[in-house]
Amino acid sequence: MSEAIYSWFWQPPIEGEPGLMMIVDNHPGPTRSEVPMVVEDLKTILQEVETQLPVDIGLFQMRIYSRTALEEWFEIVLDGGTRRFYAKKPEFTQAELAQLWEARLDG
């Protein structure tokens, strides 16, 4: 189990389009250096959140975005066959992703 502190949400795939998942690092700050950041424990965190999805939904069916403790968004790309993942610059702007994260509270 990850010791990182994070929040997340997801929306299922709709009409053949990928679903959405967002993971936000809620690191308590530099005074708590023993707490890992999300990026340091991303593999474990992805496994944890996947266990909370319905059995017919896989991470490879999602567009996954994560926000670091410094509030920078990045996209996580997962290969469904190998289960390997890598981070890349998101296609959306930082402001668009922040707005999308905030919009989850309205839904």
Protein backbone atom coordinates (compact mmCIF):
# COMPACT_ATOMS: atom_id res chain seq x y z
CA MET A 1 0.00 0.00 0.00
CA SER A 2 1.28 3.44 -0.92
CA GLU A 3 2.14 5.85 1.85
CA ALA A 4 1.73 8.83 -0.48
CA ILE A 5 -1.22 11.09 0.26
CA TYR A 6 -3.40 11.66 -2.77
CA SER A 7 -6.90 12.33 -4.04
CA TRP A 8 -8.36 10.91 -7.23
CA PHE A 9 -11.49 10.50 -9.26
CA TRP A 10 -12.53 8.81 -12.46
CA GLN A 11 -15.27 8.88 -15.06
CA PRO A 12 -16.07 5.78 -17.14
CA PRO A 13 -15.51 5.50 -20.89
CA ILE A 14 -18.54 6.75 -22.85
CA GLU A 15 -19.51 5.81 -26.41
CA GLY A 16 -16.10 4.40 -27.28
CA GLU A 17 -14.18 7.39 -25.92
CA PRO A 18 -11.61 6.84 -23.17
CA GLY A 19 -12.59 7.45 -19.57
CA LEU A 20 -10.93 10.05 -17.40
CA MET A 21 -8.84 9.63 -14.27
CA MET A 22 -7.13 12.36 -12.29
CA ILE A 23 -4.71 11.81 -9.41
CA VAL A 24 -3.57 14.73 -7.25
CA ASP A 25 -0.60 14.68 -4.90
CA ASN A 26 -1.61 16.02 -1.47
CA HIS A 27 1.91 15.90 -0.03
CA PRO A 28 2.03 17.65 3.36
CA GLY A 29 5.19 19.60 2.50
CA PRO A 30 8.95 19.63 3.04
CA THR A 31 8.68 19.13 6.79
CA ARG A 32 7.33 15.61 6.10
CA SER A 33 10.10 14.25 3.85
CA GLU A 34 9.33 10.67 4.98
CA VAL A 35 6.02 10.81 3.07
CA PRO A 36 6.63 9.85 -0.57
CA MET A 37 5.33 11.99 -3.39
CA VAL A 38 2.90 10.47 -5.88
CA VAL A 39 5.53 10.41 -8.64
CA GLU A 40 7.81 8.38 -6.37
CA ASP A 41 5.15 5.69 -5.86
CA LEU A 42 3.11 5.94 -9.03
CA LYS A 43 3.15 2.22 -9.84
CA THR A 44 1.67 1.31 -6.46
CA ILE A 45 -0.88 4.13 -6.63
CA LEU A 46 -2.07 3.05 -10.08
CA GLN A 47 -2.48 -0.50 -8.77
CA GLU A 48 -4.45 0.79 -5.76
CA VAL A 49 -6.87 2.90 -7.76
CA GLU A 50 -7.36 0.15 -10.33
CA THR A 51 -8.59 -2.20 -7.60
CA GLN A 52 -11.34 0.34 -6.84
CA LEU A 53 -12.66 0.40 -10.42
CA PRO A 54 -15.38 -1.95 -11.66
CA VAL A 55 -13.88 -5.25 -12.85
CA ASP A 56 -14.78 -4.51 -16.49
CA ILE A 57 -12.83 -1.21 -16.50
CA GLY A 58 -9.06 -1.15 -16.97
CA LEU A 59 -6.58 1.70 -16.63
CA PHE A 60 -5.70 1.32 -20.32
CA GLN A 61 -9.25 2.56 -21.08
CA MET A 62 -8.53 5.88 -19.37
CA ARG A 63 -6.86 9.17 -20.06
CA ILE A 64 -4.92 9.57 -16.83
CA TYR A 65 -3.61 12.89 -15.56
CA SER A 66 -1.70 13.52 -12.36
CA ARG A 67 -0.79 16.72 -10.54
CA THR A 68 2.46 16.95 -8.64
CA ALA A 69 2.85 18.56 -5.23
CA LEU A 70 4.12 21.62 -7.15
CA GLU A 71 0.75 21.74 -8.99
CA GLU A 72 2.10 20.74 -12.40
CA TRP A 73 -0.09 18.37 -14.41
CA PHE A 74 1.29 15.54 -16.53
CA GLU A 75 -0.33 12.71 -18.48
CA ILE A 76 0.25 9.05 -17.71
CA VAL A 77 0.21 6.73 -20.71
CA LEU A 78 -0.32 3.06 -19.93
CA ASP A 79 0.31 0.18 -22.32
CA GLY A 80 -2.55 -2.29 -21.81
CA GLY A 81 -0.45 -5.25 -22.95
CA THR A 82 2.77 -4.74 -21.00
CA ARG A 83 1.27 -2.66 -18.15
CA ARG A 84 4.24 -0.32 -18.47
CA PHE A 85 3.58 3.39 -18.22
CA TYR A 86 5.34 6.64 -18.89
CA ALA A 87 4.66 10.31 -18.27
CA LYS A 88 4.31 12.91 -20.98
CA LYS A 89 3.31 16.51 -21.41
CA PRO A 90 -0.50 16.66 -21.46
CA GLU A 91 -2.38 17.75 -24.58
CA PHE A 92 -4.50 20.07 -22.44
CA THR A 93 -3.19 23.23 -20.79
CA GLN A 94 -2.40 23.36 -17.08
CA ALA A 95 -5.39 25.70 -16.60
CA GLU A 96 -7.76 23.34 -18.46
CA LEU A 97 -6.68 20.40 -16.32
CA ALA A 98 -6.99 22.43 -13.11
CA GLN A 99 -10.49 23.46 -14.19
CA LEU A 100 -11.38 19.84 -14.96
CA TRP A 101 -10.19 18.80 -11.49
CA GLU A 102 -12.25 21.53 -9.84
CA ALA A 103 -15.32 20.61 -11.94
CA ARG A 104 -15.45 17.15 -10.32
CA LEU A 105 -16.79 18.85 -7.17
CA ASP A 106 -19.76 20.19 -9.13
CA GLY A 107 -20.79 16.81 -10.50
